[in-house]
Amino acid sequence: MKPIGEAALKLAGIPLVYWCWLFVAGRAFSFGTSLALTWGGVLVVPFVALAGRDWLNRKPTARRAQVLTVPVHYLEALLLGCALIVSYRFMQVHPIVRVPISQRISLPLMQVLSLLALVAVLNLAIRGLGLPFAAILSSKLATSWLYAHSRNPMLLSCLLFFLAGAVWLQSLHAILWVVCWLTPAWVLYVKIYEERELEIRFNGGYLEYKAGTPFFL
């Protein structure tokens, strides 16, 4: 893909994903559609990762990884974002069982975890010269600060934030969804596609970093 086409794809992806999120947020869906978006949208994520990895392995070059990661990232963001928007609204109405945990516990946790996620984003921006979005892929391997202790501090803080949000809803449905569905799907996406993409773009540097740093903690 030529640089102009790649730049156009990057710029077009951001408003497209954002518009889809707004569209989903502004619609009231039926029980069946909400159930399909909540569980089905997340189910597709590992298959996106498998398809992306297959394309990477056909021609494992840094340039191909850089270009292919743009649509893969945007599709992942679209699927997970829409599922998250629908799921919390849906599972608040259909909690299965109300979990009697005080919201005073989960709200401060959400605030701390959102701050931790922001620090991880800044960490990547400063040390990796990139952002966790397809528009600006990291040009360096971030291995210091938070990334010295975890290969995925952003993912960890986000998943814990969503779990705290599920607890805040006092919804067993939401808690089970985050723990048993969202987390495995997102982790599989990272392991199947993102780790392979980083191996290709950063060669032996990432393999060395991966061998000495845990996935989470």
N, C-alpha and C. Protein backbone atom coordinates (compact mmCIF):
# COMPACT_ATOMS: atom_id res chain seq x y z
N MET A 1 0.84 -1.20 0.00
CA MET A 1 0.00 0.00 0.00
C MET A 1 0.88 1.25 0.00
N LYS A 2 0.54 2.25 -0.85
CA LYS A 2 1.31 3.48 -0.92
C LYS A 2 1.07 4.31 0.34
N PRO A 3 2.07 5.17 0.71
CA PRO A 3 1.92 5.98 1.93
C PRO A 3 0.64 6.80 1.98
N ILE A 4 0.22 7.35 0.81
CA ILE A 4 -1.00 8.17 0.80
C ILE A 4 -2.23 7.31 1.13
N GLY A 5 -2.28 6.11 0.55
CA GLY A 5 -3.40 5.21 0.83
C GLY A 5 -3.41 4.76 2.27
N GLU A 6 -2.22 4.50 2.81
CA GLU A 6 -2.14 4.08 4.22
C GLU A 6 -2.59 5.20 5.14
N ALA A 7 -2.16 6.43 4.84
CA ALA A 7 -2.57 7.58 5.66
C ALA A 7 -4.07 7.80 5.60
N ALA A 8 -4.64 7.63 4.40
CA ALA A 8 -6.09 7.79 4.24
C ALA A 8 -6.85 6.75 5.04
N LEU A 9 -6.34 5.51 5.04
CA LEU A 9 -6.98 4.43 5.80
C LEU A 9 -6.95 4.73 7.29
N LYS A 10 -5.81 5.24 7.76
CA LYS A 10 -5.68 5.58 9.18
C LYS A 10 -6.65 6.68 9.58
N LEU A 11 -6.71 7.73 8.77
CA LEU A 11 -7.57 8.86 9.09
C LEU A 11 -9.05 8.51 8.97
N ALA A 12 -9.39 7.65 8.01
CA ALA A 12 -10.80 7.28 7.84
C ALA A 12 -11.28 6.36 8.94
N GLY A 13 -10.39 5.56 9.49
CA GLY A 13 -10.78 4.59 10.50
C GLY A 13 -11.26 5.21 11.80
N ILE A 14 -10.62 6.29 12.20
CA ILE A 14 -10.97 6.91 13.49
C ILE A 14 -12.41 7.41 13.50
N PRO A 15 -12.84 8.27 12.58
CA PRO A 15 -14.24 8.73 12.60
C PRO A 15 -15.24 7.61 12.34
N LEU A 16 -14.85 6.61 11.54
CA LEU A 16 -15.76 5.51 11.25
C LEU A 16 -16.06 4.71 12.52
N VAL A 17 -15.02 4.37 13.26
CA VAL A 17 -15.21 3.62 14.50
C VAL A 17 -16.00 4.45 15.50
N TYR A 18 -15.66 5.72 15.61
CA TYR A 18 -16.34 6.61 16.55
C TYR A 18 -17.82 6.74 16.18
N TRP A 19 -18.12 6.87 14.87
CA TRP A 19 -19.52 6.98 14.43
C TRP A 19 -20.28 5.71 14.79
N CYS A 20 -19.67 4.54 14.60
CA CYS A 20 -20.34 3.28 14.93
C CYS A 20 -20.63 3.19 16.42
N TRP A 21 -19.69 3.64 17.23
CA TRP A 21 -19.92 3.64 18.68
C TRP A 21 -21.09 4.55 19.03
N LEU A 22 -21.13 5.73 18.44
CA LEU A 22 -22.23 6.67 18.71
C LEU A 22 -23.56 6.10 18.24
N PHE A 23 -23.54 5.45 17.08
CA PHE A 23 -24.76 4.86 16.55
C PHE A 23 -25.31 3.81 17.51
N VAL A 24 -24.44 2.94 17.99
CA VAL A 24 -24.86 1.88 18.92
C VAL A 24 -25.32 2.49 20.25
N ALA A 25 -24.59 3.50 20.73
CA ALA A 25 -24.95 4.12 22.01
C ALA A 25 -26.30 4.81 21.96
N GLY A 26 -26.69 5.27 20.78
CA GLY A 26 -27.95 6.01 20.66
C GLY A 26 -29.14 5.17 20.28
N ARG A 27 -28.98 3.86 20.22
CA ARG A 27 -30.08 2.98 19.81
C ARG A 27 -30.52 2.08 20.95
N ALA A 28 -31.81 1.81 21.00
CA ALA A 28 -32.36 0.84 21.94
C ALA A 28 -32.60 -0.46 21.18
N PHE A 29 -31.89 -1.50 21.54
CA PHE A 29 -31.98 -2.77 20.84
C PHE A 29 -32.89 -3.75 21.57
N SER A 30 -33.44 -4.69 20.81
CA SER A 30 -34.28 -5.73 21.41
C SER A 30 -33.42 -6.66 22.25
N PHE A 31 -34.09 -7.52 23.01
CA PHE A 31 -33.37 -8.47 23.86
C PHE A 31 -32.44 -9.35 23.03
N GLY A 32 -32.97 -9.89 21.91
CA GLY A 32 -32.18 -10.79 21.08
C GLY A 32 -30.99 -10.09 20.44
N THR A 33 -31.19 -8.87 19.94
CA THR A 33 -30.09 -8.12 19.31
C THR A 33 -29.04 -7.74 20.35
N SER A 34 -29.48 -7.33 21.52
CA SER A 34 -28.54 -6.98 22.59
C SER A 34 -27.71 -8.19 23.00
N LEU A 35 -28.37 -9.33 23.09
CA LEU A 35 -27.66 -10.56 23.46
C LEU A 35 -26.62 -10.91 22.39
N ALA A 36 -27.01 -10.77 21.13
CA ALA A 36 -26.10 -11.09 20.02
C ALA A 36 -24.91 -10.14 20.00
N LEU A 37 -25.13 -8.85 20.20
CA LEU A 37 -24.04 -7.88 20.19
C LEU A 37 -23.13 -8.06 21.39
N THR A 38 -23.73 -8.35 22.55
CA THR A 38 -22.95 -8.51 23.78
C THR A 38 -22.03 -9.71 23.72
N TRP A 39 -22.55 -10.84 23.31
CA TRP A 39 -21.77 -12.08 23.32
C TRP A 39 -21.16 -12.37 21.95
N GLY A 40 -21.91 -12.11 20.88
CA GLY A 40 -21.42 -12.42 19.54
C GLY A 40 -20.31 -11.52 19.07
N GLY A 41 -20.41 -10.21 19.39
CA GLY A 41 -19.38 -9.28 18.96
C GLY A 41 -18.01 -9.64 19.50
N VAL A 42 -17.97 -10.01 20.77
CA VAL A 42 -16.70 -10.40 21.39
C VAL A 42 -16.19 -11.72 20.84
N LEU A 43 -17.12 -12.61 20.50
CA LEU A 43 -16.73 -13.92 19.96
C LEU A 43 -15.95 -13.79 18.66
N VAL A 44 -16.24 -12.76 17.89
CA VAL A 44 -15.59 -12.57 16.59
C VAL A 44 -14.13 -12.13 16.73
N VAL A 45 -13.80 -11.49 17.84
CA VAL A 45 -12.47 -10.89 18.02
C VAL A 45 -11.32 -11.88 17.82
N PRO A 46 -11.32 -13.08 18.45
CA PRO A 46 -10.22 -14.01 18.21
C PRO A 46 -10.12 -14.47 16.75
N PHE A 47 -11.25 -14.53 16.05
CA PHE A 47 -11.21 -14.93 14.65
C PHE A 47 -10.60 -13.83 13.78
N VAL A 48 -10.81 -12.57 14.16
CA VAL A 48 -10.13 -11.47 13.48
C VAL A 48 -8.62 -11.61 13.68
N ALA A 49 -8.23 -11.96 14.90
CA ALA A 49 -6.81 -12.14 15.19
C ALA A 49 -6.21 -13.29 14.39
N LEU A 50 -6.94 -14.39 14.26
CA LEU A 50 -6.46 -15.53 13.49
C LEU A 50 -6.30 -15.18 12.01
N ALA A 51 -7.28 -14.46 11.46
CA ALA A 51 -7.20 -14.06 10.06
C ALA A 51 -6.03 -13.11 9.83
N GLY A 52 -5.86 -12.17 10.76
CA GLY A 52 -4.74 -11.24 10.64
C GLY A 52 -3.40 -11.93 10.74
N ARG A 53 -3.28 -12.88 11.64
CA ARG A 53 -2.02 -13.61 11.78
C ARG A 53 -1.72 -14.43 10.53
N ASP A 54 -2.76 -15.02 9.95
CA ASP A 54 -2.56 -15.80 8.73
C ASP A 54 -2.01 -14.92 7.61
N TRP A 55 -2.56 -13.73 7.47
CA TRP A 55 -2.07 -12.80 6.46
C TRP A 55 -0.64 -12.35 6.77
N LEU A 56 -0.33 -12.15 8.04
CA LEU A 56 1.03 -11.78 8.42
C LEU A 56 2.02 -12.87 8.05
N ASN A 57 1.67 -14.10 8.36
CA ASN A 57 2.60 -15.21 8.15
C ASN A 57 2.85 -15.52 6.67
N ARG A 58 1.95 -15.07 5.81
CA ARG A 58 2.17 -15.29 4.38
C ARG A 58 3.34 -14.45 3.85
N LYS A 59 3.54 -13.30 4.47
CA LYS A 59 4.66 -12.44 4.10
C LYS A 59 5.08 -11.65 5.35
N PRO A 60 5.85 -12.30 6.23
CA PRO A 60 6.17 -11.69 7.53
C PRO A 60 7.25 -10.61 7.45
N THR A 61 6.87 -9.46 6.94
CA THR A 61 7.79 -8.33 6.89
C THR A 61 7.27 -7.21 7.79
N ALA A 62 8.17 -6.35 8.24
CA ALA A 62 7.79 -5.24 9.11
C ALA A 62 6.80 -4.31 8.41
N ARG A 63 7.00 -4.09 7.12
CA ARG A 63 6.12 -3.21 6.37
C ARG A 63 4.70 -3.77 6.30
N ARG A 64 4.60 -5.07 6.03
CA ARG A 64 3.28 -5.70 5.95
C ARG A 64 2.59 -5.67 7.32
N ALA A 65 3.36 -5.91 8.37
CA ALA A 65 2.79 -5.87 9.71
C ALA A 65 2.27 -4.49 10.05
N GLN A 66 3.00 -3.46 9.66
CA GLN A 66 2.59 -2.09 9.94
C GLN A 66 1.30 -1.74 9.22
N VAL A 67 1.19 -2.14 7.95
CA VAL A 67 0.00 -1.81 7.16
C VAL A 67 -1.21 -2.63 7.61
N LEU A 68 -1.02 -3.93 7.81
CA LEU A 68 -2.13 -4.82 8.16
C LEU A 68 -2.70 -4.52 9.53
N THR A 69 -1.85 -4.05 10.43
CA THR A 69 -2.30 -3.78 11.80
C THR A 69 -3.35 -2.67 11.84
N VAL A 70 -3.34 -1.78 10.87
CA VAL A 70 -4.31 -0.67 10.87
C VAL A 70 -5.75 -1.20 10.79
N PRO A 71 -6.13 -1.96 9.76
CA PRO A 71 -7.51 -2.46 9.72
C PRO A 71 -7.82 -3.45 10.83
N VAL A 72 -6.83 -4.24 11.23
CA VAL A 72 -7.07 -5.22 12.31
C VAL A 72 -7.38 -4.49 13.61
N HIS A 73 -6.61 -3.46 13.93
CA HIS A 73 -6.85 -2.69 15.15
C HIS A 73 -8.22 -2.02 15.13
N TYR A 74 -8.55 -1.44 13.99
CA TYR A 74 -9.83 -0.73 13.91
C TYR A 74 -11.01 -1.70 14.02
N LEU A 75 -10.88 -2.86 13.42
CA LEU A 75 -11.97 -3.84 13.51
C LEU A 75 -12.11 -4.35 14.94
N GLU A 76 -10.98 -4.57 15.60
CA GLU A 76 -11.04 -4.99 17.01
C GLU A 76 -11.70 -3.91 17.86
N ALA A 77 -11.31 -2.66 17.65
CA ALA A 77 -11.89 -1.55 18.42
C ALA A 77 -13.38 -1.43 18.16
N LEU A 78 -13.79 -1.63 16.93
CA LEU A 78 -15.21 -1.55 16.57
C LEU A 78 -16.00 -2.64 17.29
N LEU A 79 -15.52 -3.88 17.23
CA LEU A 79 -16.24 -5.00 17.83
C LEU A 79 -16.29 -4.89 19.35
N LEU A 80 -15.15 -4.65 19.97
CA LEU A 80 -15.11 -4.58 21.43
C LEU A 80 -15.85 -3.35 21.95
N GLY A 81 -15.69 -2.22 21.26
CA GLY A 81 -16.36 -1.01 21.70
C GLY A 81 -17.87 -1.13 21.65
N CYS A 82 -18.39 -1.64 20.55
CA CYS A 82 -19.84 -1.81 20.43
C CYS A 82 -20.37 -2.81 21.45
N ALA A 83 -19.62 -3.90 21.65
CA ALA A 83 -20.04 -4.90 22.63
C ALA A 83 -20.08 -4.32 24.04
N LEU A 84 -19.08 -3.52 24.38
CA LEU A 84 -19.04 -2.93 25.72
C LEU A 84 -20.18 -1.93 25.91
N ILE A 85 -20.46 -1.13 24.90
CA ILE A 85 -21.53 -0.13 25.00
C ILE A 85 -22.88 -0.81 25.24
N VAL A 86 -23.14 -1.85 24.47
CA VAL A 86 -24.43 -2.54 24.59
C VAL A 86 -24.49 -3.38 25.86
N SER A 87 -23.39 -4.02 26.20
CA SER A 87 -23.40 -5.01 27.27
C SER A 87 -23.76 -4.43 28.64
N TYR A 88 -23.17 -3.32 29.00
CA TYR A 88 -23.40 -2.79 30.35
C TYR A 88 -24.83 -2.29 30.50
N ARG A 89 -25.38 -1.73 29.45
CA ARG A 89 -26.78 -1.30 29.49
C ARG A 89 -27.69 -2.53 29.57
N PHE A 90 -27.37 -3.54 28.77
CA PHE A 90 -28.18 -4.76 28.71
C PHE A 90 -28.10 -5.55 30.02
N MET A 91 -26.90 -5.68 30.55
CA MET A 91 -26.72 -6.51 31.75
C MET A 91 -27.12 -5.80 33.03
N GLN A 92 -27.31 -4.51 32.96
CA GLN A 92 -27.89 -3.81 34.10
C GLN A 92 -29.38 -4.11 34.21
N VAL A 93 -30.03 -4.23 33.05
CA VAL A 93 -31.46 -4.56 33.02
C VAL A 93 -31.69 -6.05 33.26
N HIS A 94 -30.75 -6.87 32.79
CA HIS A 94 -30.85 -8.33 32.95
C HIS A 94 -29.63 -8.86 33.70
N PRO A 95 -29.58 -8.64 35.01
CA PRO A 95 -28.38 -8.98 35.78
C PRO A 95 -28.25 -10.46 36.14
N ILE A 96 -29.25 -11.25 35.88
CA ILE A 96 -29.37 -12.65 36.36
C ILE A 96 -29.61 -12.64 37.85
N VAL A 97 -28.61 -12.14 38.61
CA VAL A 97 -28.73 -11.99 40.07
C VAL A 97 -28.05 -10.68 40.45
N ARG A 98 -28.65 -9.94 41.36
CA ARG A 98 -28.02 -8.74 41.88
C ARG A 98 -26.98 -9.13 42.92
N VAL A 99 -25.75 -8.68 42.70
CA VAL A 99 -24.65 -8.99 43.62
C VAL A 99 -24.60 -7.91 44.70
N PRO A 100 -24.77 -8.28 45.96
CA PRO A 100 -24.85 -7.27 47.03
C PRO A 100 -23.48 -6.74 47.46
N ILE A 101 -22.79 -6.05 46.54
CA ILE A 101 -21.49 -5.43 46.84
C ILE A 101 -21.68 -3.92 46.77
N SER A 102 -21.20 -3.23 47.80
CA SER A 102 -21.39 -1.78 47.87
C SER A 102 -20.71 -1.09 46.69
N GLN A 103 -21.41 -0.14 46.08
CA GLN A 103 -20.85 0.62 44.98
C GLN A 103 -19.75 1.57 45.45
N ARG A 104 -19.67 1.79 46.76
CA ARG A 104 -18.61 2.63 47.29
C ARG A 104 -17.24 1.99 47.12
N ILE A 105 -17.21 0.68 46.95
CA ILE A 105 -15.94 -0.02 46.76
C ILE A 105 -15.49 0.08 45.31
N SER A 106 -16.39 -0.15 44.39
CA SER A 106 -16.02 -0.24 42.98
C SER A 106 -15.74 1.12 42.35
N LEU A 107 -16.42 2.16 42.77
CA LEU A 107 -16.24 3.47 42.15
C LEU A 107 -14.82 4.01 42.33
N PRO A 108 -14.25 4.00 43.56
CA PRO A 108 -12.84 4.43 43.69
C PRO A 108 -11.88 3.55 42.89
N LEU A 109 -12.18 2.26 42.81
CA LEU A 109 -11.34 1.36 42.02
C LEU A 109 -11.36 1.76 40.54
N MET A 110 -12.52 2.10 40.03
CA MET A 110 -12.63 2.52 38.64
C MET A 110 -11.81 3.79 38.40
N GLN A 111 -11.82 4.70 39.35
CA GLN A 111 -11.07 5.93 39.21
C GLN A 111 -9.57 5.66 39.19
N VAL A 112 -9.11 4.81 40.10
CA VAL A 112 -7.69 4.46 40.16
C VAL A 112 -7.25 3.73 38.89
N LEU A 113 -8.07 2.79 38.44
CA LEU A 113 -7.72 1.99 37.26
C LEU A 113 -7.74 2.82 35.98
N SER A 114 -8.65 3.78 35.89
CA SER A 114 -8.66 4.67 34.72
C SER A 114 -7.40 5.53 34.70
N LEU A 115 -6.94 5.95 35.87
CA LEU A 115 -5.70 6.71 35.96
C LEU A 115 -4.51 5.84 35.58
N LEU A 116 -4.52 4.59 36.02
CA LEU A 116 -3.44 3.66 35.67
C LEU A 116 -3.39 3.42 34.16
N ALA A 117 -4.56 3.29 33.54
CA ALA A 117 -4.61 3.11 32.09
C ALA A 117 -4.05 4.33 31.37
N LEU A 118 -4.35 5.52 31.87
CA LEU A 118 -3.82 6.75 31.28
C LEU A 118 -2.30 6.80 31.41
N VAL A 119 -1.78 6.39 32.56
CA VAL A 119 -0.33 6.36 32.76
C VAL A 119 0.33 5.38 31.78
N ALA A 120 -0.34 4.24 31.55
CA ALA A 120 0.19 3.25 30.59
C ALA A 120 0.21 3.83 29.18
N VAL A 121 -0.82 4.59 28.81
CA VAL A 121 -0.86 5.23 27.50
C VAL A 121 0.29 6.24 27.36
N LEU A 122 0.51 7.05 28.40
CA LEU A 122 1.61 8.02 28.39
C LEU A 122 2.95 7.31 28.35
N ASN A 123 3.05 6.21 29.08
CA ASN A 123 4.27 5.39 29.08
C ASN A 123 4.61 4.95 27.65
N LEU A 124 3.61 4.43 26.94
CA LEU A 124 3.82 3.98 25.56
C LEU A 124 4.16 5.15 24.64
N ALA A 125 3.49 6.28 24.85
CA ALA A 125 3.73 7.45 24.00
C ALA A 125 5.15 7.98 24.17
N ILE A 126 5.64 7.99 25.40
CA ILE A 126 6.96 8.57 25.67
C ILE A 126 8.08 7.58 25.34
N ARG A 127 7.91 6.34 25.76
CA ARG A 127 9.00 5.36 25.59
C ARG A 127 8.89 4.58 24.29
N GLY A 128 7.67 4.46 23.73
CA GLY A 128 7.50 3.71 22.49
C GLY A 128 7.20 4.58 21.28
N LEU A 129 7.04 5.91 21.53
CA LEU A 129 6.76 6.87 20.46
C LEU A 129 5.54 6.43 19.63
N GLY A 130 4.49 6.06 20.33
CA GLY A 130 3.26 5.64 19.66
C GLY A 130 2.09 5.69 20.61
N LEU A 131 0.94 5.31 20.11
CA LEU A 131 -0.28 5.28 20.90
C LEU A 131 -0.96 3.93 20.71
N PRO A 132 -1.87 3.55 21.61
CA PRO A 132 -2.55 2.26 21.48
C PRO A 132 -3.66 2.28 20.44
N PHE A 133 -3.42 2.95 19.35
CA PHE A 133 -4.40 3.05 18.28
C PHE A 133 -3.69 2.79 16.96
N ALA A 134 -4.42 2.34 15.99
CA ALA A 134 -3.81 2.01 14.70
C ALA A 134 -3.22 3.23 14.01
N ALA A 135 -3.75 4.42 14.31
CA ALA A 135 -3.29 5.62 13.61
C ALA A 135 -1.82 5.93 13.90
N ILE A 136 -1.34 5.59 15.09
CA ILE A 136 0.05 5.88 15.46
C ILE A 136 0.63 4.65 16.15
N LEU A 137 1.19 3.74 15.37
CA LEU A 137 1.81 2.55 15.94
C LEU A 137 3.14 2.93 16.59
N SER A 138 3.49 2.24 17.66
CA SER A 138 4.77 2.51 18.32
C SER A 138 5.93 2.24 17.37
N SER A 139 6.90 3.13 17.39
CA SER A 139 8.08 2.96 16.54
C SER A 139 9.27 2.42 17.31
N LYS A 140 9.12 2.38 18.64
CA LYS A 140 10.16 1.79 19.50
C LYS A 140 9.49 0.80 20.45
N LEU A 141 10.27 -0.12 20.96
CA LEU A 141 9.75 -1.11 21.90
C LEU A 141 9.79 -0.53 23.30
N ALA A 142 8.62 -0.32 23.90
CA ALA A 142 8.56 0.21 25.26
C ALA A 142 8.84 -0.90 26.25
N THR A 143 9.91 -0.75 27.03
CA THR A 143 10.30 -1.81 27.98
C THR A 143 10.58 -1.26 29.38
N SER A 144 10.31 0.01 29.61
CA SER A 144 10.62 0.61 30.92
C SER A 144 9.35 1.09 31.59
N TRP A 145 9.50 1.56 32.85
CA TRP A 145 8.40 2.02 33.68
C TRP A 145 7.38 0.88 33.85
N LEU A 146 6.13 1.11 33.53
CA LEU A 146 5.14 0.05 33.72
C LEU A 146 5.46 -1.18 32.87
N TYR A 147 6.01 -0.93 31.68
CA TYR A 147 6.30 -2.03 30.75
C TYR A 147 7.49 -2.88 31.18
N ALA A 148 8.19 -2.45 32.22
CA ALA A 148 9.27 -3.27 32.76
C ALA A 148 8.70 -4.40 33.64
N HIS A 149 7.47 -4.23 34.10
CA HIS A 149 6.85 -5.21 34.99
C HIS A 149 5.74 -6.00 34.30
N SER A 150 5.20 -5.48 33.22
CA SER A 150 4.09 -6.13 32.52
C SER A 150 4.18 -5.80 31.04
N ARG A 151 3.95 -6.81 30.19
CA ARG A 151 3.95 -6.55 28.75
C ARG A 151 2.66 -5.85 28.32
N ASN A 152 1.64 -5.93 29.15
CA ASN A 152 0.33 -5.38 28.77
C ASN A 152 -0.32 -4.61 29.92
N PRO A 153 0.31 -3.54 30.40
CA PRO A 153 -0.30 -2.80 31.52
C PRO A 153 -1.60 -2.13 31.16
N MET A 154 -1.74 -1.69 29.89
CA MET A 154 -3.00 -1.07 29.47
C MET A 154 -4.14 -2.07 29.46
N LEU A 155 -3.87 -3.24 28.91
CA LEU A 155 -4.89 -4.29 28.85
C LEU A 155 -5.30 -4.70 30.25
N LEU A 156 -4.33 -4.88 31.14
CA LEU A 156 -4.64 -5.29 32.51
C LEU A 156 -5.50 -4.25 33.21
N SER A 157 -5.12 -2.98 33.11
CA SER A 157 -5.88 -1.93 33.80
C SER A 157 -7.27 -1.78 33.20
N CYS A 158 -7.40 -1.95 31.88
CA CYS A 158 -8.72 -1.85 31.24
C CYS A 158 -9.64 -2.99 31.66
N LEU A 159 -9.11 -4.21 31.67
CA LEU A 159 -9.93 -5.35 32.07
C LEU A 159 -10.37 -5.24 33.52
N LEU A 160 -9.47 -4.79 34.39
CA LEU A 160 -9.84 -4.60 35.80
C LEU A 160 -10.85 -3.47 35.94
N PHE A 161 -10.72 -2.44 35.11
CA PHE A 161 -11.68 -1.34 35.13
C PHE A 161 -13.07 -1.85 34.74
N PHE A 162 -13.14 -2.66 33.69
CA PHE A 162 -14.43 -3.19 33.26
C PHE A 162 -15.02 -4.14 34.30
N LEU A 163 -14.15 -4.87 34.99
CA LEU A 163 -14.64 -5.74 36.06
C LEU A 163 -15.18 -4.89 37.21
N ALA A 164 -14.49 -3.84 37.56
CA ALA A 164 -14.97 -2.94 38.61
C ALA A 164 -16.30 -2.31 38.20
N GLY A 165 -16.43 -1.99 36.89
CA GLY A 165 -17.69 -1.46 36.40
C GLY A 165 -18.82 -2.46 36.52
N ALA A 166 -18.52 -3.73 36.28
CA ALA A 166 -19.53 -4.78 36.42
C ALA A 166 -19.95 -4.93 37.87
N VAL A 167 -18.99 -4.81 38.77
CA VAL A 167 -19.31 -4.88 40.21
C VAL A 167 -20.15 -3.67 40.61
N TRP A 168 -19.82 -2.51 40.03
CA TRP A 168 -20.59 -1.30 40.33
C TRP A 168 -22.05 -1.46 39.91
N LEU A 169 -22.28 -2.18 38.80
CA LEU A 169 -23.65 -2.46 38.36
C LEU A 169 -24.35 -3.46 39.26
N GLN A 170 -23.57 -4.15 40.08
CA GLN A 170 -24.09 -5.22 40.96
C GLN A 170 -24.78 -6.31 40.14
N SER A 171 -24.20 -6.58 38.97
CA SER A 171 -24.80 -7.52 38.02
C SER A 171 -23.92 -8.76 37.88
N LEU A 172 -24.44 -9.90 38.26
CA LEU A 172 -23.70 -11.15 38.09
C LEU A 172 -23.48 -11.43 36.60
N HIS A 173 -24.44 -11.09 35.78
CA HIS A 173 -24.33 -11.25 34.33
C HIS A 173 -23.10 -10.50 33.82
N ALA A 174 -22.94 -9.24 34.25
CA ALA A 174 -21.81 -8.42 33.81
C ALA A 174 -20.48 -8.98 34.31
N ILE A 175 -20.45 -9.41 35.55
CA ILE A 175 -19.21 -9.96 36.12
C ILE A 175 -18.79 -11.22 35.36
N LEU A 176 -19.73 -12.11 35.11
CA LEU A 176 -19.42 -13.33 34.37
C LEU A 176 -18.97 -13.02 32.95
N TRP A 177 -19.61 -12.03 32.34
CA TRP A 177 -19.26 -11.66 30.96
C TRP A 177 -17.83 -11.15 30.87
N VAL A 178 -17.45 -10.29 31.80
CA VAL A 178 -16.08 -9.74 31.80
C VAL A 178 -15.05 -10.83 32.06
N VAL A 179 -15.32 -11.66 33.07
CA VAL A 179 -14.33 -12.67 33.48
C VAL A 179 -14.25 -13.83 32.49
N CYS A 180 -15.39 -14.32 32.06
CA CYS A 180 -15.43 -15.56 31.27
C CYS A 180 -15.51 -15.35 29.77
N TRP A 181 -15.75 -14.12 29.33
CA TRP A 181 -15.94 -13.90 27.89
C TRP A 181 -15.04 -12.79 27.35
N LEU A 182 -15.17 -11.60 27.89
CA LEU A 182 -14.38 -10.47 27.40
C LEU A 182 -12.88 -10.69 27.61
N THR A 183 -12.51 -11.08 28.82
CA THR A 183 -11.08 -11.25 29.13
C THR A 183 -10.41 -12.32 28.27
N PRO A 184 -10.96 -13.55 28.17
CA PRO A 184 -10.32 -14.55 27.31
C PRO A 184 -10.22 -14.11 25.84
N ALA A 185 -11.28 -13.47 25.32
CA ALA A 185 -11.27 -13.05 23.91
C ALA A 185 -10.21 -12.00 23.66
N TRP A 186 -10.10 -11.04 24.56
CA TRP A 186 -9.12 -9.95 24.39
C TRP A 186 -7.69 -10.48 24.55
N VAL A 187 -7.48 -11.36 25.51
CA VAL A 187 -6.16 -11.96 25.71
C VAL A 187 -5.76 -12.79 24.50
N LEU A 188 -6.70 -13.56 23.95
CA LEU A 188 -6.42 -14.35 22.76
C LEU A 188 -6.04 -13.45 21.59
N TYR A 189 -6.75 -12.34 21.44
CA TYR A 189 -6.42 -11.40 20.37
C TYR A 189 -4.97 -10.93 20.48
N VAL A 190 -4.56 -10.57 21.70
CA VAL A 190 -3.20 -10.09 21.91
C VAL A 190 -2.18 -11.19 21.64
N LYS A 191 -2.44 -12.37 22.16
CA LYS A 191 -1.50 -13.47 21.99
C LYS A 191 -1.41 -13.95 20.54
N ILE A 192 -2.54 -13.99 19.86
CA ILE A 192 -2.56 -14.51 18.49
C ILE A 192 -2.02 -13.49 17.50
N TYR A 193 -2.51 -12.24 17.58
CA TYR A 193 -2.12 -11.27 16.56
C TYR A 193 -1.05 -10.28 17.03
N GLU A 194 -1.31 -9.57 18.13
CA GLU A 194 -0.42 -8.47 18.50
C GLU A 194 0.99 -8.95 18.81
N GLU A 195 1.12 -10.07 19.51
CA GLU A 195 2.46 -10.55 19.83
C GLU A 195 3.21 -10.96 18.56
N ARG A 196 2.50 -11.57 17.62
CA ARG A 196 3.14 -11.94 16.35
C ARG A 196 3.55 -10.69 15.57
N GLU A 197 2.68 -9.70 15.57
CA GLU A 197 2.98 -8.45 14.86
C GLU A 197 4.20 -7.76 15.47
N LEU A 198 4.30 -7.76 16.79
CA LEU A 198 5.46 -7.14 17.45
C LEU A 198 6.74 -7.93 17.20
N GLU A 199 6.62 -9.25 17.15
CA GLU A 199 7.78 -10.08 16.82
C GLU A 199 8.34 -9.71 15.45
N ILE A 200 7.45 -9.49 14.50
CA ILE A 200 7.88 -9.17 13.14
C ILE A 200 8.46 -7.76 13.06
N ARG A 201 7.81 -6.81 13.70
CA ARG A 201 8.27 -5.41 13.59
C ARG A 201 9.54 -5.14 14.39
N PHE A 202 9.72 -5.83 15.53
CA PHE A 202 10.88 -5.54 16.39
C PHE A 202 11.86 -6.71 16.47
N ASN A 203 11.63 -7.74 15.67
CA ASN A 203 12.57 -8.87 15.55
C ASN A 203 12.92 -9.46 16.92
N GLY A 204 14.22 -9.73 17.13
CA GLY A 204 14.65 -10.40 18.35
C GLY A 204 14.46 -9.58 19.61
N GLY A 205 14.35 -8.26 19.46
CA GLY A 205 14.17 -7.41 20.63
C GLY A 205 12.91 -7.73 21.39
N TYR A 206 11.83 -7.98 20.67
CA TYR A 206 10.58 -8.29 21.35
C TYR A 206 10.62 -9.69 21.97
N LEU A 207 11.24 -10.64 21.29
CA LEU A 207 11.33 -12.00 21.82
C LEU A 207 12.12 -12.00 23.13
N GLU A 208 13.18 -11.22 23.19
CA GLU A 208 13.96 -11.11 24.42
C GLU A 208 13.15 -10.47 25.54
N TYR A 209 12.45 -9.40 25.19
CA TYR A 209 11.59 -8.72 26.16
C TYR A 209 10.47 -9.64 26.64
N LYS A 210 9.86 -10.37 25.72
CA LYS A 210 8.77 -11.29 26.05
C LYS A 210 9.24 -12.39 26.99
N ALA A 211 10.46 -12.89 26.79
CA ALA A 211 10.98 -13.97 27.62
C ALA A 211 11.24 -13.52 29.06
N GLY A 212 11.51 -12.22 29.24
CA GLY A 212 11.85 -11.75 30.58
C GLY A 212 10.79 -10.95 31.29
N THR A 213 9.64 -10.74 30.64
CA THR A 213 8.59 -9.92 31.24
C THR A 213 7.26 -10.66 31.18
N PRO A 214 6.52 -10.73 32.30
CA PRO A 214 5.25 -11.47 32.29
C PRO A 214 4.18 -10.79 31.45
N PHE A 215 3.20 -11.58 31.01
CA PHE A 215 2.10 -11.05 30.19
C PHE A 215 1.33 -9.99 30.95
N PHE A 216 0.97 -10.26 32.19
CA PHE A 216 0.31 -9.29 33.04
C PHE A 216 1.23 -8.86 34.17
N LEU A 217 1.38 -9.72 35.18
CA LEU A 217 2.25 -9.39 36.33
C LEU A 217 3.04 -10.62 36.75
